[in-house]
């Protein structure tokens, strides 16, 4: 059984001084900065064949536009040089200058052609803007043309949202509620739903998206979304919400390793749209592997989730 994981993070020291870094614990920073030592040993210990690496937190989008393009291209070139040391074990999602969508489209194409990157990771909103806005069409069109997915990962909430919802909570509880505890999952779900209800995914019907954390709470809401957003003469979308999700959105297990949400995802998205991931180093490979081994499905079905679906989506042939 080949195991491929897709939401596995890095933060590389040569670039950390240029960007707005999230306040990670020191032990997490050490693991984020390591590509081929502790990380590779942990993969070996848990039977993980391939990790697809991606930058964590804010990067080029936190820089002035003139610097963003150079930062993204340099970061992608450096990552490519590192994974070339173990080409059968590591792949990568491109980092993009999202503040400049046309430049982001060109960098996505370059990363694909020069480095065979598997797609791109987009962290949260871009300066408070969602991807359904027309200015992002060059990037969406390019991803569709290249037939590679965009992984929509959560990001820190915009200041206005944090101020209204989270900042009055005691201690660090507001930060956690606004991020991994709730907020950024709902925001990523909004990112996807806005792309559907505005008709943006109908405009790019071959575009593929990936979201993590067992579908960012969308599976449990799917039937209600169909009810509240029917396809009719007043709608901007041409397919039901559920059909569009199954046609164009893939979900990973990253960081959620219990069976109830998994079965909800299975019943709504279907087995062909679910892919195993860990969310390393914020979740452990050990916890992820224990969950994978606990799934009470046939070996053939587990193999699809473990790696076959991912290999097909991001075109891993070796």
Protein backbone atom coordinates (compact mmCIF):
# COMPACT_ATOMS: atom_id res chain seq x y z
CA UNK A 1 0.00 0.00 0.00
CA UNK A 2 1.57 3.25 -1.14
CA UNK A 3 0.93 6.17 1.22
CA UNK A 4 1.00 9.76 -0.04
CA UNK A 5 0.35 12.73 2.24
CA UNK A 6 -0.56 16.15 0.89
CA UNK A 7 -0.73 18.70 3.71
CA UNK A 8 2.77 18.53 5.10
CA UNK A 9 4.37 21.83 6.00
CA UNK A 10 7.76 23.49 5.84
CA UNK A 11 9.17 26.86 6.88
CA UNK A 12 12.73 27.35 5.74
CA UNK A 13 15.23 29.44 7.70
CA UNK A 14 16.85 31.25 4.73
CA UNK A 15 13.52 32.97 4.07
CA UNK A 16 12.03 33.36 7.54
CA UNK A 17 13.31 36.89 8.11
CA UNK A 18 11.53 38.25 5.04
CA UNK A 19 7.99 37.24 5.92
CA UNK A 20 5.41 37.63 8.65
CA UNK A 21 5.95 34.36 10.51
CA UNK A 22 3.26 32.79 12.63
CA UNK A 23 4.25 32.34 16.31
CA UNK A 24 5.05 28.63 16.20
CA UNK A 25 6.56 26.80 19.19
CA UNK A 26 10.31 26.20 18.93
CA UNK A 27 9.93 22.44 18.51
CA UNK A 28 7.48 22.96 15.64
CA UNK A 29 9.84 25.43 13.98
CA UNK A 30 12.65 22.89 14.15
CA UNK A 31 10.52 20.24 12.44
CA UNK A 32 9.21 22.74 9.89
CA UNK A 33 12.76 23.64 8.91
CA UNK A 34 13.85 20.02 8.48
CA UNK A 35 13.19 18.28 5.18
CA UNK A 36 15.40 15.23 4.96
CA UNK A 37 16.49 14.16 8.44
CA UNK A 38 13.92 13.80 11.27
CA UNK A 39 11.10 14.21 8.75
CA UNK A 40 12.35 11.44 6.52
CA UNK A 41 12.97 9.11 9.45
CA UNK A 42 9.43 9.66 10.70
CA UNK A 43 8.10 8.90 7.24
CA UNK A 44 10.08 5.68 7.17
CA UNK A 45 8.92 4.69 10.64
CA UNK A 46 5.27 5.11 9.64
CA UNK A 47 5.34 3.76 6.12
CA UNK A 48 4.74 7.09 4.39
CA UNK A 49 6.17 6.90 0.90
CA UNK A 50 5.71 10.48 -0.34
CA UNK A 51 5.10 13.84 1.30
CA UNK A 52 3.94 16.80 -0.79
CA UNK A 53 5.55 19.81 0.90
CA UNK A 54 4.14 23.33 1.19
CA UNK A 55 5.00 26.57 2.95
CA UNK A 56 3.10 27.20 6.16
CA UNK A 57 1.70 30.57 7.16
CA UNK A 58 2.06 33.88 5.39
CA UNK A 59 4.73 34.23 2.75
CA UNK A 60 4.85 36.29 -0.42
CA UNK A 61 1.39 37.73 0.19
CA UNK A 62 2.72 39.56 3.26
CA UNK A 63 5.35 41.39 1.19
CA UNK A 64 5.13 44.47 -1.02
CA UNK A 65 4.15 43.52 -4.55
CA UNK A 66 7.60 44.24 -5.97
CA UNK A 67 9.19 41.78 -3.54
CA UNK A 68 6.50 39.12 -3.66
CA UNK A 69 7.36 37.75 -7.09
CA UNK A 70 11.05 37.35 -6.29
CA UNK A 71 10.31 35.79 -2.91
CA UNK A 72 7.94 33.19 -4.35
CA UNK A 73 10.23 32.19 -7.20
CA UNK A 74 13.27 31.98 -4.93
CA UNK A 75 11.34 29.92 -2.40
CA UNK A 76 10.13 27.50 -5.05
CA UNK A 77 13.62 27.15 -6.52
CA UNK A 78 15.09 26.44 -3.08
CA UNK A 79 12.42 23.86 -2.24
CA UNK A 80 13.04 22.19 -5.59
CA UNK A 81 16.75 21.94 -4.83
CA UNK A 82 16.04 20.32 -1.47
CA UNK A 83 13.52 17.74 -2.61
CA UNK A 84 15.82 16.83 -5.50
CA UNK A 85 17.98 15.11 -2.87
CA UNK A 86 15.17 12.56 -2.39
CA UNK A 87 13.08 12.80 -5.57
CA UNK A 88 11.04 9.65 -4.91
CA UNK A 89 10.06 10.74 -1.39
CA UNK A 90 9.14 14.42 -1.75
CA UNK A 91 7.01 16.51 -4.07
CA UNK A 92 5.86 20.09 -3.56
CA UNK A 93 3.05 22.57 -3.99
CA UNK A 94 4.17 25.92 -5.38
CA UNK A 95 4.19 29.08 -3.32
CA UNK A 96 2.61 31.99 -5.20
CA UNK A 97 2.64 35.82 -5.06
CA UNK A 98 -1.11 35.91 -4.51
CA UNK A 99 -1.23 39.71 -4.25
CA UNK A 100 -0.50 39.74 -8.00
CA UNK A 101 -2.79 37.12 -9.57
CA UNK A 102 -1.33 37.36 -13.07
CA UNK A 103 2.16 36.91 -11.67
CA UNK A 104 0.87 34.05 -9.52
CA UNK A 105 -0.43 32.34 -12.65
CA UNK A 106 2.95 32.70 -14.34
CA UNK A 107 4.79 31.38 -11.28
CA UNK A 108 2.45 28.40 -11.08
CA UNK A 109 3.24 27.59 -14.70
CA UNK A 110 6.98 28.02 -14.14
CA UNK A 111 6.96 25.83 -11.03
CA UNK A 112 5.13 23.14 -12.95
CA UNK A 113 7.32 23.26 -16.05
CA UNK A 114 10.73 23.70 -14.38
CA UNK A 115 10.24 21.74 -11.15
CA UNK A 116 7.25 19.43 -11.81
CA UNK A 117 5.43 20.81 -8.77
CA UNK A 118 2.04 19.23 -8.12
CA UNK A 119 -0.08 22.38 -7.87
CA UNK A 120 -0.12 25.26 -5.41
CA UNK A 121 -0.93 25.89 -1.77
CA UNK A 122 -2.94 29.03 -1.02
CA UNK A 123 -3.02 30.08 2.64
CA UNK A 124 -6.21 31.85 3.63
CA UNK A 125 -7.50 35.05 2.09
CA UNK A 126 -5.30 37.41 0.08
CA UNK A 127 -5.37 40.82 1.72
CA UNK A 128 -8.89 40.03 2.90
CA UNK A 129 -10.09 38.97 -0.56
CA UNK A 130 -11.75 35.70 -1.57
CA UNK A 131 -10.80 33.81 -4.73
CA UNK A 132 -14.17 34.26 -6.42
CA UNK A 133 -13.34 37.91 -7.14
CA UNK A 134 -12.65 38.54 -10.85
CA UNK A 135 -9.06 39.65 -10.22
CA UNK A 136 -8.10 36.04 -9.41
CA UNK A 137 -9.39 34.61 -12.68
CA UNK A 138 -5.94 34.46 -14.34
CA UNK A 139 -4.73 32.08 -11.63
CA UNK A 140 -7.84 29.88 -11.69
CA UNK A 141 -7.70 29.69 -15.46
CA UNK A 142 -4.01 28.77 -15.41
CA UNK A 143 -4.51 25.99 -12.85
CA UNK A 144 -7.32 24.59 -14.98
CA UNK A 145 -5.19 24.81 -18.12
CA UNK A 146 -2.26 23.05 -16.44
CA UNK A 147 -4.60 20.42 -14.94
CA UNK A 148 -3.11 20.80 -11.47
CA UNK A 149 -5.02 21.46 -8.23
CA UNK A 150 -5.05 24.38 -5.86
CA UNK A 151 -4.90 23.39 -2.19
CA UNK A 152 -6.94 25.92 -0.20
CA UNK A 153 -5.45 26.00 3.27
CA UNK A 154 -6.67 28.12 6.20
CA UNK A 155 -5.01 31.35 7.21
CA UNK A 156 -5.21 33.80 10.07
CA UNK A 157 -8.56 35.64 10.19
CA UNK A 158 -8.63 39.21 8.87
CA UNK A 159 -8.22 41.85 11.56
CA UNK A 160 -11.87 42.94 11.35
CA UNK A 161 -13.08 39.37 11.83
CA UNK A 162 -10.70 38.72 14.70
CA UNK A 163 -11.80 41.95 16.37
CA UNK A 164 -15.49 41.12 16.11
CA UNK A 165 -15.34 37.43 17.01
CA UNK A 166 -12.23 36.49 18.95
CA UNK A 167 -10.13 39.26 20.48
CA UNK A 168 -12.24 39.74 23.61
CA UNK A 169 -11.72 36.17 24.80
CA UNK A 170 -9.36 35.48 27.73
CA UNK A 171 -5.73 34.49 27.29
CA UNK A 172 -4.95 32.59 24.12
CA UNK A 173 -8.44 31.13 23.74
CA UNK A 174 -9.42 33.71 21.13
CA UNK A 175 -6.39 32.89 19.00
CA UNK A 176 -7.16 29.18 19.07
CA UNK A 177 -10.88 29.64 18.42
CA UNK A 178 -10.08 31.91 15.51
CA UNK A 179 -7.58 29.44 14.03
CA UNK A 180 -7.32 25.69 14.46
CA UNK A 181 -10.14 25.42 16.98
CA UNK A 182 -12.86 26.65 14.61
CA UNK A 183 -12.46 29.88 12.71
CA UNK A 184 -10.10 29.04 9.94
CA UNK A 185 -12.02 25.88 9.05
CA UNK A 186 -15.23 27.84 8.56
CA UNK A 187 -13.35 30.48 6.55
CA UNK A 188 -11.91 27.88 4.20
CA UNK A 189 -15.39 26.43 3.80
CA UNK A 190 -16.61 29.93 2.89
CA UNK A 191 -13.82 30.20 0.33
CA UNK A 192 -15.07 27.05 -1.40
CA UNK A 193 -18.77 27.90 -1.13
CA UNK A 194 -18.28 31.38 -2.54
CA UNK A 195 -16.49 29.84 -5.53
CA UNK A 196 -19.56 27.65 -6.10
CA UNK A 197 -22.50 30.00 -5.48
CA UNK A 198 -20.97 32.78 -7.59
CA UNK A 199 -20.65 30.40 -10.53
CA UNK A 200 -16.86 30.63 -10.49
CA UNK A 201 -16.34 26.87 -10.54
CA UNK A 202 -18.85 26.62 -13.40
CA UNK A 203 -16.63 29.09 -15.28
CA UNK A 204 -13.69 26.71 -14.71
CA UNK A 205 -15.33 23.27 -14.69
CA UNK A 206 -12.06 21.34 -14.97
CA UNK A 207 -10.40 23.17 -12.07
CA UNK A 208 -9.66 20.93 -9.10
CA UNK A 209 -9.49 22.13 -5.50
CA UNK A 210 -8.22 20.37 -2.38
CA UNK A 211 -9.24 21.24 1.16
CA UNK A 212 -8.03 19.60 4.36
CA UNK A 213 -9.29 18.74 7.82
CA UNK A 214 -11.88 16.23 6.59
CA UNK A 215 -13.58 18.79 4.39
CA UNK A 216 -13.53 21.87 6.65
CA UNK A 217 -17.00 21.09 8.09
CA UNK A 218 -18.66 21.07 4.66
CA UNK A 219 -19.67 17.36 4.66
CA UNK A 220 -22.14 17.72 7.54
CA UNK A 221 -23.72 20.76 5.85
CA UNK A 222 -23.97 19.44 2.30
CA UNK A 223 -27.68 18.57 2.21
CA UNK A 224 -28.61 21.86 3.85
CA UNK A 225 -26.50 23.76 1.32
CA UNK A 226 -28.39 22.07 -1.51
CA UNK A 227 -31.64 23.07 0.17
CA UNK A 228 -30.69 26.71 0.73
CA UNK A 229 -28.98 27.24 -2.64
CA UNK A 230 -31.18 25.47 -5.21
CA UNK A 231 -30.36 25.72 -8.90
CA UNK A 232 -33.01 27.89 -10.51
CA UNK A 233 -33.42 30.95 -12.71
CA UNK A 234 -32.16 33.21 -9.91
CA UNK A 235 -29.01 31.25 -9.07
CA UNK A 236 -25.55 32.06 -10.36
CA UNK A 237 -24.41 28.42 -10.17
CA UNK A 238 -25.42 25.78 -12.72
CA UNK A 239 -25.06 22.62 -10.63
CA UNK A 240 -26.15 21.73 -7.13
CA UNK A 241 -23.69 22.47 -4.38
CA UNK A 242 -23.20 18.77 -3.69
CA UNK A 243 -22.62 17.92 -7.35
CA UNK A 244 -20.07 20.69 -7.78
CA UNK A 245 -18.25 19.56 -4.65
CA UNK A 246 -18.05 15.99 -5.89
CA UNK A 247 -17.01 17.13 -9.37
CA UNK A 248 -14.26 19.55 -8.39
CA UNK A 249 -13.32 19.39 -4.71
CA UNK A 250 -11.15 16.79 -2.98
CA UNK A 251 -10.69 16.56 0.76
CA UNK A 252 -7.90 15.25 2.95
CA UNK A 253 -7.91 13.77 6.42
CA UNK A 254 -5.25 16.19 7.68
CA UNK A 255 -5.34 16.60 11.45
CA UNK A 256 -8.71 14.88 12.00
CA UNK A 257 -8.25 11.25 12.90
CA UNK A 258 -11.59 9.96 14.18
CA UNK A 259 -14.13 7.84 12.36
CA UNK A 260 -17.41 9.82 12.73
CA UNK A 261 -16.29 12.79 10.57
CA UNK A 262 -14.59 10.38 8.19
CA UNK A 263 -17.81 8.47 7.57
CA UNK A 264 -19.71 11.72 7.08
CA UNK A 265 -17.15 12.72 4.46
CA UNK A 266 -17.33 9.28 2.86
CA UNK A 267 -21.12 9.40 2.59
CA UNK A 268 -21.15 12.88 1.09
CA UNK A 269 -18.01 13.36 -1.01
CA UNK A 270 -17.50 9.69 -1.87
CA UNK A 271 -14.42 7.54 -1.62
CA UNK A 272 -12.83 8.84 -4.84
CA UNK A 273 -12.62 12.36 -3.36
CA UNK A 274 -10.93 11.51 -0.05
CA UNK A 275 -7.16 11.46 0.39
CA UNK A 276 -5.01 10.69 3.39
CA UNK A 277 -2.89 13.47 4.91
CA UNK A 278 -1.32 14.19 8.29
CA UNK A 279 -0.77 17.97 8.73
CA UNK A 280 2.83 17.34 9.79
CA UNK A 281 4.36 18.57 12.07
CA UNK A 282 1.24 19.94 13.78
CA UNK A 283 -0.16 16.42 13.81
CA UNK A 284 2.06 13.37 14.06
CA UNK A 285 2.67 10.74 11.45
CA UNK A 286 2.05 8.15 14.16
CA UNK A 287 -1.49 9.45 14.83
CA UNK A 288 -2.22 9.64 11.14
CA UNK A 289 -1.03 6.11 10.46
CA UNK A 290 -2.99 4.72 13.40
CA UNK A 291 -6.12 6.33 11.98
CA UNK A 292 -5.47 5.01 8.48
CA UNK A 293 -5.03 1.50 9.86
CA UNK A 294 -8.27 1.80 11.83
CA UNK A 295 -10.54 2.54 8.84
CA UNK A 296 -12.98 -0.40 8.62
CA UNK A 297 -13.10 -0.66 4.84
CA UNK A 298 -11.72 -3.19 2.39
CA UNK A 299 -8.02 -3.11 1.59
CA UNK A 300 -8.81 -1.93 -1.92
CA UNK A 301 -10.81 1.01 -0.55
CA UNK A 302 -8.17 1.95 2.01
CA UNK A 303 -5.52 1.88 -0.71
CA UNK A 304 -7.50 4.44 -2.69
CA UNK A 305 -7.58 6.78 0.30
CA UNK A 306 -3.96 6.10 1.28
CA UNK A 307 -2.41 7.04 -2.02
CA UNK A 308 -4.17 6.03 -5.21
CA UNK A 309 -6.57 8.98 -5.31
CA UNK A 310 -3.73 11.43 -4.66
CA UNK A 311 -1.47 9.84 -7.27
CA UNK A 312 -4.18 10.22 -9.87
CA UNK A 313 -5.08 13.80 -8.94
CA UNK A 314 -1.55 15.19 -8.84
CA UNK A 315 -0.15 12.84 -11.49
CA UNK A 316 2.44 10.90 -9.50
CA UNK A 317 3.53 8.03 -11.72
CA UNK A 318 6.80 6.88 -10.13
